[in-house]
Structure formats: C-alpha cells, structure tokens
Amino acid sequence: MTLKISKSGRIRIPKNVRNELNLLEGSYLFVYESQNCIMIEKYNKDNTLNQCLFYDGRITIPIELRRSLNLSPGAPLSIKVSHNKVILENEN
C-alpha cells in the first residue's frame, strides 16, 4: 500500500490500519525514525519521542523527521503494520 505526504507533512492513515490498531480520534501517537523508516505507535515508554495528535484520520510527520529522511511533499511512502506499529518507508 502506498500513500503520499502532503505539503504540510500530513499523511492519512488508511481506515483498515486505523481499525487494526484501534487508533482513536484525539489520541497522541509516538512518531520517530528507526532504520531509515518512520515509526508510528500508540504506546512507548520513551517520553522523549515526538508525540503527534491523531485527528481526522491524519497525523503530521514532524519536520525534523521529514528533513532527516529527505521527504518532500508528494513523496510516495509505503505503509505496513508490524507489531502494533505503522511503518512508513520512502519509496525513492
């Protein structure tokens, strides 16, 4: 499955992924980089990670992660779910 990042750094998490992970509107999600991927998860013990608000099926990827992974608006990202995490990989 592929999605694109908006000019403001937002992505829409597909409904089937939202349902599978039981993502609730207004929840905070942890967003961080790991192994050249963006990881998104509901729970993490490391409170120094970015926390982003999940709203309207979307989440904004922090600018420092977009810069470090060289993600530009419209960049195609592959999305997969593994161990209760959303994993986004740059397809370029």
PDB file of N, CA and C in Angstrom:
ATOM      1  N   MET A   1       0.847  -1.159   0.000  1.00  0.00           N
ATOM      2  CA  MET A   1       0.000   0.000   0.000  1.00  0.00           C
ATOM      3  C   MET A   1       0.906   1.239   0.000  1.00  0.00           C
ATOM      4  N   THR A   2       0.543   2.236  -0.790  1.00  0.00           N
ATOM      5  CA  THR A   2       1.329   3.461  -0.908  1.00  0.00           C
ATOM      6  C   THR A   2       0.468   4.660  -0.559  1.00  0.00           C
ATOM      7  N   LEU A   3       1.082   5.654   0.089  1.00  0.00           N
ATOM      8  CA  LEU A   3       0.407   6.914   0.351  1.00  0.00           C
ATOM      9  C   LEU A   3       1.390   8.039   0.098  1.00  0.00           C
ATOM     10  N   LYS A   4       0.884   9.272   0.088  1.00  0.00           N
ATOM     11  CA  LYS A   4       1.744  10.423  -0.185  1.00  0.00           C
ATOM     12  C   LYS A   4       1.675  11.400   0.966  1.00  0.00           C
ATOM     13  N   ILE A   5       2.783  12.084   1.178  1.00  0.00           N
ATOM     14  CA  ILE A   5       2.874  13.076   2.236  1.00  0.00           C
ATOM     15  C   ILE A   5       2.444  14.438   1.666  1.00  0.00           C
ATOM     16  N   SER A   6       1.648  15.180   2.427  1.00  0.00           N
ATOM     17  CA  SER A   6       1.145  16.476   1.953  1.00  0.00           C
ATOM     18  C   SER A   6       2.210  17.560   2.124  1.00  0.00           C
ATOM     19  N   LYS A   7       1.917  18.763   1.608  1.00  0.00           N
ATOM     20  CA  LYS A   7       2.834  19.893   1.743  1.00  0.00           C
ATOM     21  C   LYS A   7       3.099  20.224   3.205  1.00  0.00           C
ATOM     22  N   SER A   8       2.095  20.024   4.056  1.00  0.00           N
ATOM     23  CA  SER A   8       2.254  20.338   5.476  1.00  0.00           C
ATOM     24  C   SER A   8       2.819  19.162   6.281  1.00  0.00           C
ATOM     25  N   GLY A   9       3.166  18.060   5.596  1.00  0.00           N
ATOM     26  CA  GLY A   9       3.764  16.916   6.269  1.00  0.00           C
ATOM     27  C   GLY A   9       2.759  15.920   6.815  1.00  0.00           C
ATOM     28  N   ARG A  10       1.492  16.062   6.416  1.00  0.00           N
ATOM     29  CA  ARG A  10       0.464  15.145   6.919  1.00  0.00           C
ATOM     30  C   ARG A  10       0.345  13.909   6.041  1.00  0.00           C
ATOM     31  N   ILE A  11      -0.033  12.837   6.709  1.00  0.00           N
ATOM     32  CA  ILE A  11      -0.397  11.619   5.990  1.00  0.00           C
ATOM     33  C   ILE A  11      -1.746  11.167   6.531  1.00  0.00           C
ATOM     34  N   ARG A  12      -2.507  10.501   5.693  1.00  0.00           N
ATOM     35  CA  ARG A  12      -3.767   9.900   6.137  1.00  0.00           C
ATOM     36  C   ARG A  12      -3.511   8.420   6.310  1.00  0.00           C
ATOM     37  N   ILE A  13      -3.779   7.953   7.512  1.00  0.00           N
ATOM     38  CA  ILE A  13      -3.613   6.530   7.797  1.00  0.00           C
ATOM     39  C   ILE A  13      -4.872   5.814   7.305  1.00  0.00           C
ATOM     40  N   PRO A  14      -4.726   4.831   6.427  1.00  0.00           N
ATOM     41  CA  PRO A  14      -5.890   4.132   5.870  1.00  0.00           C
ATOM     42  C   PRO A  14      -6.792   3.545   6.959  1.00  0.00           C
ATOM     43  N   LYS A  15      -8.078   3.518   6.658  1.00  0.00           N
ATOM     44  CA  LYS A  15      -9.073   3.084   7.637  1.00  0.00           C
ATOM     45  C   LYS A  15      -8.810   1.668   8.152  1.00  0.00           C
ATOM     46  N   ASN A  16      -8.412   0.763   7.277  1.00  0.00           N
ATOM     47  CA  ASN A  16      -8.166  -0.604   7.742  1.00  0.00           C
ATOM     48  C   ASN A  16      -7.006  -0.661   8.744  1.00  0.00           C
ATOM     49  N   VAL A  17      -6.002   0.201   8.577  1.00  0.00           N
ATOM     50  CA  VAL A  17      -4.889   0.260   9.530  1.00  0.00           C
ATOM     51  C   VAL A  17      -5.362   0.894  10.832  1.00  0.00           C
ATOM     52  N   ARG A  18      -6.155   1.961  10.740  1.00  0.00           N
ATOM     53  CA  ARG A  18      -6.699   2.602  11.943  1.00  0.00           C
ATOM     54  C   ARG A  18      -7.518   1.609  12.748  1.00  0.00           C
ATOM     55  N   ASN A  19      -8.337   0.830  12.060  1.00  0.00           N
ATOM     56  CA  ASN A  19      -9.162  -0.175  12.748  1.00  0.00           C
ATOM     57  C   ASN A  19      -8.312  -1.276  13.365  1.00  0.00           C
ATOM     58  N   GLU A  20      -7.324  -1.755  12.608  1.00  0.00           N
ATOM     59  CA  GLU A  20      -6.468  -2.841  13.099  1.00  0.00           C
ATOM     60  C   GLU A  20      -5.729  -2.439  14.378  1.00  0.00           C
ATOM     61  N   LEU A  21      -5.284  -1.178  14.449  1.00  0.00           N
ATOM     62  CA  LEU A  21      -4.532  -0.704  15.606  1.00  0.00           C
ATOM     63  C   LEU A  21      -5.411   0.000  16.635  1.00  0.00           C
ATOM     64  N   ASN A  22      -6.719   0.061  16.343  1.00  0.00           N
ATOM     65  CA  ASN A  22      -7.660   0.714  17.247  1.00  0.00           C
ATOM     66  C   ASN A  22      -7.217   2.142  17.584  1.00  0.00           C
ATOM     67  N   LEU A  23      -6.881   2.908  16.539  1.00  0.00           N
ATOM     68  CA  LEU A  23      -6.473   4.297  16.722  1.00  0.00           C
ATOM     69  C   LEU A  23      -7.713   5.151  16.928  1.00  0.00           C
ATOM     70  N   LEU A  24      -7.724   5.889  18.022  1.00  0.00           N
ATOM     71  CA  LEU A  24      -8.871   6.704  18.376  1.00  0.00           C
ATOM     72  C   LEU A  24      -8.606   8.171  18.093  1.00  0.00           C
ATOM     73  N   GLU A  25      -9.631   8.838  17.583  1.00  0.00           N
ATOM     74  CA  GLU A  25      -9.571  10.271  17.306  1.00  0.00           C
ATOM     75  C   GLU A  25      -9.134  11.022  18.564  1.00  0.00           C
ATOM     76  N   GLY A  26      -8.186  11.941  18.423  1.00  0.00           N
ATOM     77  CA  GLY A  26      -7.722  12.740  19.547  1.00  0.00           C
ATOM     78  C   GLY A  26      -6.611  12.100  20.356  1.00  0.00           C
ATOM     79  N   SER A  27      -6.193  10.893  19.979  1.00  0.00           N
ATOM     80  CA  SER A  27      -5.091  10.225  20.679  1.00  0.00           C
ATOM     81  C   SER A  27      -3.766  10.844  20.260  1.00  0.00           C
ATOM     82  N   TYR A  28      -2.793  10.753  21.147  1.00  0.00           N
ATOM     83  CA  TYR A  28      -1.426  11.116  20.786  1.00  0.00           C
ATOM     84  C   TYR A  28      -0.689   9.852  20.393  1.00  0.00           C
ATOM     85  N   LEU A  29       0.075   9.958  19.309  1.00  0.00           N
ATOM     86  CA  LEU A  29       0.861   8.838  18.818  1.00  0.00           C
ATOM     87  C   LEU A  29       2.331   9.219  18.847  1.00  0.00           C
ATOM     88  N   PHE A  30       3.183   8.243  19.102  1.00  0.00           N
ATOM     89  CA  PHE A  30       4.616   8.463  19.082  1.00  0.00           C
ATOM     90  C   PHE A  30       5.118   8.300  17.655  1.00  0.00           C
ATOM     91  N   VAL A  31       5.915   9.257  17.195  1.00  0.00           N
ATOM     92  CA  VAL A  31       6.453   9.247  15.839  1.00  0.00           C
ATOM     93  C   VAL A  31       7.961   9.414  15.941  1.00  0.00           C
ATOM     94  N   TYR A  32       8.711   8.462  15.352  1.00  0.00           N
ATOM     95  CA  TYR A  32      10.160   8.529  15.437  1.00  0.00           C
ATOM     96  C   TYR A  32      10.782   7.809  14.245  1.00  0.00           C
ATOM     97  N   GLU A  33      12.079   8.012  14.075  1.00  0.00           N
ATOM     98  CA  GLU A  33      12.822   7.375  12.993  1.00  0.00           C
ATOM     99  C   GLU A  33      13.549   6.153  13.529  1.00  0.00           C
ATOM    100  N   SER A  34      13.519   5.088  12.763  1.00  0.00           N
ATOM    101  CA  SER A  34      14.260   3.882  13.098  1.00  0.00           C
ATOM    102  C   SER A  34      14.627   3.167  11.808  1.00  0.00           C
ATOM    103  N   GLN A  35      15.882   2.893  11.630  1.00  0.00           N
ATOM    104  CA  GLN A  35      16.378   2.158  10.460  1.00  0.00           C
ATOM    105  C   GLN A  35      15.886   2.760   9.156  1.00  0.00           C
ATOM    106  N   ASN A  36      15.999   4.094   9.045  1.00  0.00           N
ATOM    107  CA  ASN A  36      15.639   4.834   7.837  1.00  0.00           C
ATOM    108  C   ASN A  36      14.157   4.740   7.495  1.00  0.00           C
ATOM    109  N   CYS A  37      13.321   4.483   8.507  1.00  0.00           N
ATOM    110  CA  CYS A  37      11.871   4.439   8.360  1.00  0.00           C
ATOM    111  C   CYS A  37      11.244   5.351   9.406  1.00  0.00           C
ATOM    112  N   ILE A  38      10.007   5.737   9.181  1.00  0.00           N
ATOM    113  CA  ILE A  38       9.242   6.457  10.186  1.00  0.00           C
ATOM    114  C   ILE A  38       8.350   5.457  10.882  1.00  0.00           C
ATOM    115  N   MET A  39       8.441   5.435  12.191  1.00  0.00           N
ATOM    116  CA  MET A  39       7.643   4.521  13.001  1.00  0.00           C
ATOM    117  C   MET A  39       6.564   5.328  13.725  1.00  0.00           C
ATOM    118  N   ILE A  40       5.348   4.798  13.748  1.00  0.00           N
ATOM    119  CA  ILE A  40       4.231   5.436  14.444  1.00  0.00           C
ATOM    120  C   ILE A  40       3.621   4.368  15.338  1.00  0.00           C
ATOM    121  N   GLU A  41       3.480   4.683  16.623  1.00  0.00           N
ATOM    122  CA  GLU A  41       2.880   3.716  17.532  1.00  0.00           C
ATOM    123  C   GLU A  41       2.106   4.408  18.633  1.00  0.00           C
ATOM    124  N   LYS A  42       1.177   3.664  19.213  1.00  0.00           N
ATOM    125  CA  LYS A  42       0.311   4.208  20.263  1.00  0.00           C
ATOM    126  C   LYS A  42       1.015   4.335  21.594  1.00  0.00           C
ATOM    127  N   TYR A  43       1.815   3.381  21.947  1.00  0.00           N
ATOM    128  CA  TYR A  43       2.430   3.340  23.269  1.00  0.00           C
ATOM    129  C   TYR A  43       3.936   3.209  23.151  1.00  0.00           C
ATOM    130  N   ASN A  44       4.644   3.986  23.970  1.00  0.00           N
ATOM    131  CA  ASN A  44       6.085   3.866  24.021  1.00  0.00           C
ATOM    132  C   ASN A  44       6.546   4.396  25.373  1.00  0.00           C
ATOM    133  N   LYS A  45       7.494   3.738  25.979  1.00  0.00           N
ATOM    134  CA  LYS A  45       7.988   4.153  27.293  1.00  0.00           C
ATOM    135  C   LYS A  45       8.927   5.351  27.212  1.00  0.00           C
ATOM    136  N   ASP A  46       9.457   5.635  26.024  1.00  0.00           N
ATOM    137  CA  ASP A  46      10.404   6.738  25.849  1.00  0.00           C
ATOM    138  C   ASP A  46       9.625   8.038  25.634  1.00  0.00           C
ATOM    139  N   ASN A  47       9.504   8.846  26.679  1.00  0.00           N
ATOM    140  CA  ASN A  47       8.708  10.060  26.562  1.00  0.00           C
ATOM    141  C   ASN A  47       9.464  11.208  25.910  1.00  0.00           C
ATOM    142  N   THR A  48      10.680  10.950  25.404  1.00  0.00           N
ATOM    143  CA  THR A  48      11.404  11.991  24.672  1.00  0.00           C
ATOM    144  C   THR A  48      11.069  11.975  23.183  1.00  0.00           C
ATOM    145  N   LEU A  49      10.330  10.972  22.727  1.00  0.00           N
ATOM    146  CA  LEU A  49       9.966  10.878  21.312  1.00  0.00           C
ATOM    147  C   LEU A  49       8.901  11.912  20.969  1.00  0.00           C
ATOM    148  N   ASN A  50       8.801  12.251  19.683  1.00  0.00           N
ATOM    149  CA  ASN A  50       7.753  13.150  19.216  1.00  0.00           C
ATOM    150  C   ASN A  50       6.394  12.538  19.495  1.00  0.00           C
ATOM    151  N   GLN A  51       5.484  13.353  19.994  1.00  0.00           N
ATOM    152  CA  GLN A  51       4.103  12.920  20.162  1.00  0.00           C
ATOM    153  C   GLN A  51       3.245  13.797  19.269  1.00  0.00           C
ATOM    154  N   CYS A  52       2.451  13.180  18.412  1.00  0.00           N
ATOM    155  CA  CYS A  52       1.626  13.911  17.461  1.00  0.00           C
ATOM    156  C   CYS A  52       0.170  13.517  17.642  1.00  0.00           C
ATOM    157  N   LEU A  53      -0.707  14.489  17.472  1.00  0.00           N
ATOM    158  CA  LEU A  53      -2.139  14.278  17.628  1.00  0.00           C
ATOM    159  C   LEU A  53      -2.711  13.571  16.403  1.00  0.00           C
ATOM    160  N   PHE A  54      -3.463  12.515  16.638  1.00  0.00           N
ATOM    161  CA  PHE A  54      -4.158  11.793  15.582  1.00  0.00           C
ATOM    162  C   PHE A  54      -5.547  12.409  15.450  1.00  0.00           C
ATOM    163  N   TYR A  55      -5.831  13.019  14.301  1.00  0.00           N
ATOM    164  CA  TYR A  55      -7.090  13.730  14.122  1.00  0.00           C
ATOM    165  C   TYR A  55      -7.574  13.571  12.685  1.00  0.00           C
ATOM    166  N   ASP A  56      -8.849  13.268  12.538  1.00  0.00           N
ATOM    167  CA  ASP A  56      -9.462  13.138  11.212  1.00  0.00           C
ATOM    168  C   ASP A  56      -8.731  12.116  10.335  1.00  0.00           C
ATOM    169  N   GLY A  57      -8.230  11.061  10.971  1.00  0.00           N
ATOM    170  CA  GLY A  57      -7.542  10.006  10.224  1.00  0.00           C
ATOM    171  C   GLY A  57      -6.144  10.380   9.784  1.00  0.00           C
ATOM    172  N   ARG A  58      -5.667  11.549  10.243  1.00  0.00           N
ATOM    173  CA  ARG A  58      -4.368  12.043   9.791  1.00  0.00           C
ATOM    174  C   ARG A  58      -3.412  12.255  10.960  1.00  0.00           C
ATOM    175  N   ILE A  59      -2.164  12.301  10.608  1.00  0.00           N
ATOM    176  CA  ILE A  59      -1.105  12.642  11.548  1.00  0.00           C
ATOM    177  C   ILE A  59      -0.065  13.454  10.779  1.00  0.00           C
ATOM    178  N   THR A  60       0.558  14.415  11.459  1.00  0.00           N
ATOM    179  CA  THR A  60       1.597  15.219  10.832  1.00  0.00           C
ATOM    180  C   THR A  60       2.963  14.661  11.227  1.00  0.00           C
ATOM    181  N   ILE A  61       3.762  14.372  10.219  1.00  0.00           N
ATOM    182  CA  ILE A  61       5.116  13.879  10.455  1.00  0.00           C
ATOM    183  C   ILE A  61       5.990  15.092  10.806  1.00  0.00           C
ATOM    184  N   PRO A  62       6.650  15.080  11.961  1.00  0.00           N
ATOM    185  CA  PRO A  62       7.471  16.228  12.362  1.00  0.00           C
ATOM    186  C   PRO A  62       8.519  16.593  11.317  1.00  0.00           C
ATOM    187  N   ILE A  63       8.760  17.895  11.189  1.00  0.00           N
ATOM    188  CA  ILE A  63       9.666  18.406  10.155  1.00  0.00           C
ATOM    189  C   ILE A  63      11.068  17.823  10.271  1.00  0.00           C
ATOM    190  N   GLU A  64      11.559  17.611  11.497  1.00  0.00           N
ATOM    191  CA  GLU A  64      12.922  17.086  11.627  1.00  0.00           C
ATOM    192  C   GLU A  64      13.023  15.668  11.062  1.00  0.00           C
ATOM    193  N   LEU A  65      11.947  14.879  11.158  1.00  0.00           N
ATOM    194  CA  LEU A  65      11.958  13.542  10.565  1.00  0.00           C
ATOM    195  C   LEU A  65      11.873  13.630   9.041  1.00  0.00           C
ATOM    196  N   ARG A  66      11.038  14.544   8.551  1.00  0.00           N
ATOM    197  CA  ARG A  66      10.946  14.715   7.096  1.00  0.00           C
ATOM    198  C   ARG A  66      12.280  15.147   6.512  1.00  0.00           C
ATOM    199  N   ARG A  67      12.964  16.041   7.216  1.00  0.00           N
ATOM    200  CA  ARG A  67      14.275  16.504   6.736  1.00  0.00           C
ATOM    201  C   ARG A  67      15.315  15.394   6.792  1.00  0.00           C
ATOM    202  N   SER A  68      15.365  14.672   7.907  1.00  0.00           N
ATOM    203  CA  SER A  68      16.400  13.638   8.046  1.00  0.00           C
ATOM    204  C   SER A  68      16.216  12.503   7.039  1.00  0.00           C
ATOM    205  N   LEU A  69      14.971  12.253   6.638  1.00  0.00           N
ATOM    206  CA  LEU A  69      14.710  11.199   5.648  1.00  0.00           C
ATOM    207  C   LEU A  69      14.540  11.755   4.237  1.00  0.00           C
ATOM    208  N   ASN A  70      14.752  13.076   4.104  1.00  0.00           N
ATOM    209  CA  ASN A  70      14.660  13.745   2.802  1.00  0.00           C
ATOM    210  C   ASN A  70      13.302  13.514   2.129  1.00  0.00           C
ATOM    211  N   LEU A  71      12.218  13.711   2.904  1.00  0.00           N
ATOM    212  CA  LEU A  71      10.865  13.543   2.375  1.00  0.00           C
ATOM    213  C   LEU A  71      10.322  14.882   1.904  1.00  0.00           C
ATOM    214  N   SER A  72       9.964  14.955   0.653  1.00  0.00           N
ATOM    215  CA  SER A  72       9.389  16.179   0.108  1.00  0.00           C
ATOM    216  C   SER A  72       7.888  15.975  -0.099  1.00  0.00           C
ATOM    217  N   PRO A  73       7.120  17.074  -0.217  1.00  0.00           N
ATOM    218  CA  PRO A  73       5.681  16.923  -0.461  1.00  0.00           C
ATOM    219  C   PRO A  73       5.418  16.057  -1.690  1.00  0.00           C
ATOM    220  N   GLY A  74       4.454  15.180  -1.564  1.00  0.00           N
ATOM    221  CA  GLY A  74       4.102  14.272  -2.652  1.00  0.00           C
ATOM    222  C   GLY A  74       4.958  13.022  -2.715  1.00  0.00           C
ATOM    223  N   ALA A  75       5.939  12.936  -1.817  1.00  0.00           N
ATOM    224  CA  ALA A  75       6.812  11.758  -1.813  1.00  0.00           C
ATOM    225  C   ALA A  75       5.987  10.506  -1.529  1.00  0.00           C
ATOM    226  N   PRO A  76       6.147   9.472  -2.341  1.00  0.00           N
ATOM    227  CA  PRO A  76       5.419   8.223  -2.081  1.00  0.00           C
ATOM    228  C   PRO A  76       6.040   7.461  -0.925  1.00  0.00           C
ATOM    229  N   LEU A  77       5.186   6.991  -0.031  1.00  0.00           N
ATOM    230  CA  LEU A  77       5.614   6.206   1.120  1.00  0.00           C
ATOM    231  C   LEU A  77       4.880   4.883   1.102  1.00  0.00           C
ATOM    232  N   SER A  78       5.603   3.806   1.380  1.00  0.00           N
ATOM    233  CA  SER A  78       4.919   2.530   1.555  1.00  0.00           C
ATOM    234  C   SER A  78       4.560   2.425   3.029  1.00  0.00           C
ATOM    235  N   ILE A  79       3.425   1.812   3.297  1.00  0.00           N
ATOM    236  CA  ILE A  79       2.938   1.698   4.667  1.00  0.00           C
ATOM    237  C   ILE A  79       2.681   0.229   4.970  1.00  0.00           C
ATOM    238  N   LYS A  80       3.103  -0.189   6.159  1.00  0.00           N
ATOM    239  CA  LYS A  80       2.800  -1.539   6.611  1.00  0.00           C
ATOM    240  C   LYS A  80       2.626  -1.506   8.122  1.00  0.00           C
ATOM    241  N   VAL A  81       2.003  -2.531   8.635  1.00  0.00           N
ATOM    242  CA  VAL A  81       1.772  -2.656  10.072  1.00  0.00           C
ATOM    243  C   VAL A  81       2.526  -3.872  10.567  1.00  0.00           C
ATOM    244  N   SER A  82       3.271  -3.680  11.652  1.00  0.00           N
ATOM    245  CA  SER A  82       4.034  -4.775  12.232  1.00  0.00           C
ATOM    246  C   SER A  82       4.163  -4.552  13.731  1.00  0.00           C
ATOM    247  N   HIS A  83       3.780  -5.531  14.512  1.00  0.00           N
ATOM    248  CA  HIS A  83       3.910  -5.463  15.977  1.00  0.00           C
ATOM    249  C   HIS A  83       3.272  -4.198  16.543  1.00  0.00           C
ATOM    250  N   ASN A  84       2.040  -3.907  16.130  1.00  0.00           N
ATOM    251  CA  ASN A  84       1.283  -2.755  16.622  1.00  0.00           C
ATOM    252  C   ASN A  84       1.931  -1.413  16.292  1.00  0.00           C
ATOM    253  N   LYS A  85       2.687  -1.364  15.207  1.00  0.00           N
ATOM    254  CA  LYS A  85       3.309  -0.123  14.750  1.00  0.00           C
ATOM    255  C   LYS A  85       2.980   0.089  13.283  1.00  0.00           C
ATOM    256  N   VAL A  86       2.877   1.341  12.903  1.00  0.00           N
ATOM    257  CA  VAL A  86       2.792   1.709  11.497  1.00  0.00           C
ATOM    258  C   VAL A  86       4.204   2.035  11.055  1.00  0.00           C
ATOM    259  N   ILE A  87       4.631   1.450   9.953  1.00  0.00           N
ATOM    260  CA  ILE A  87       5.978   1.678   9.430  1.00  0.00           C
ATOM    261  C   ILE A  87       5.844   2.319   8.055  1.00  0.00           C
ATOM    262  N   LEU A  88       6.480   3.496   7.914  1.00  0.00           N
ATOM    263  CA  LEU A  88       6.470   4.219   6.649  1.00  0.00           C
ATOM    264  C   LEU A  88       7.873   4.216   6.073  1.00  0.00           C
ATOM    265  N   GLU A  89       7.988   3.826   4.810  1.00  0.00           N
ATOM    266  CA  GLU A  89       9.282   3.803   4.142  1.00  0.00           C
ATOM    267  C   GLU A  89       9.214   4.655   2.896  1.00  0.00           C
ATOM    268  N   ASN A  90      10.240   5.452   2.687  1.00  0.00           N
ATOM    269  CA  ASN A  90      10.354   6.277   1.488  1.00  0.00           C
ATOM    270  C   ASN A  90      10.575   5.335   0.300  1.00  0.00           C
ATOM    271  N   GLU A  91       9.781   5.498  -0.733  1.00  0.00           N
ATOM    272  CA  GLU A  91       9.903   4.610  -1.907  1.00  0.00           C
ATOM    273  C   GLU A  91      10.928   5.111  -2.905  1.00  0.00           C
ATOM    274  N   ASN A  92      11.507   6.268  -2.658  1.00  0.00           N
ATOM    275  CA  ASN A  92      12.518   6.798  -3.601  1.00  0.00           C
ATOM    276  C   ASN A  92      13.877   6.252  -3.315  1.00  0.00           C
TER     277      ASN A  92
END
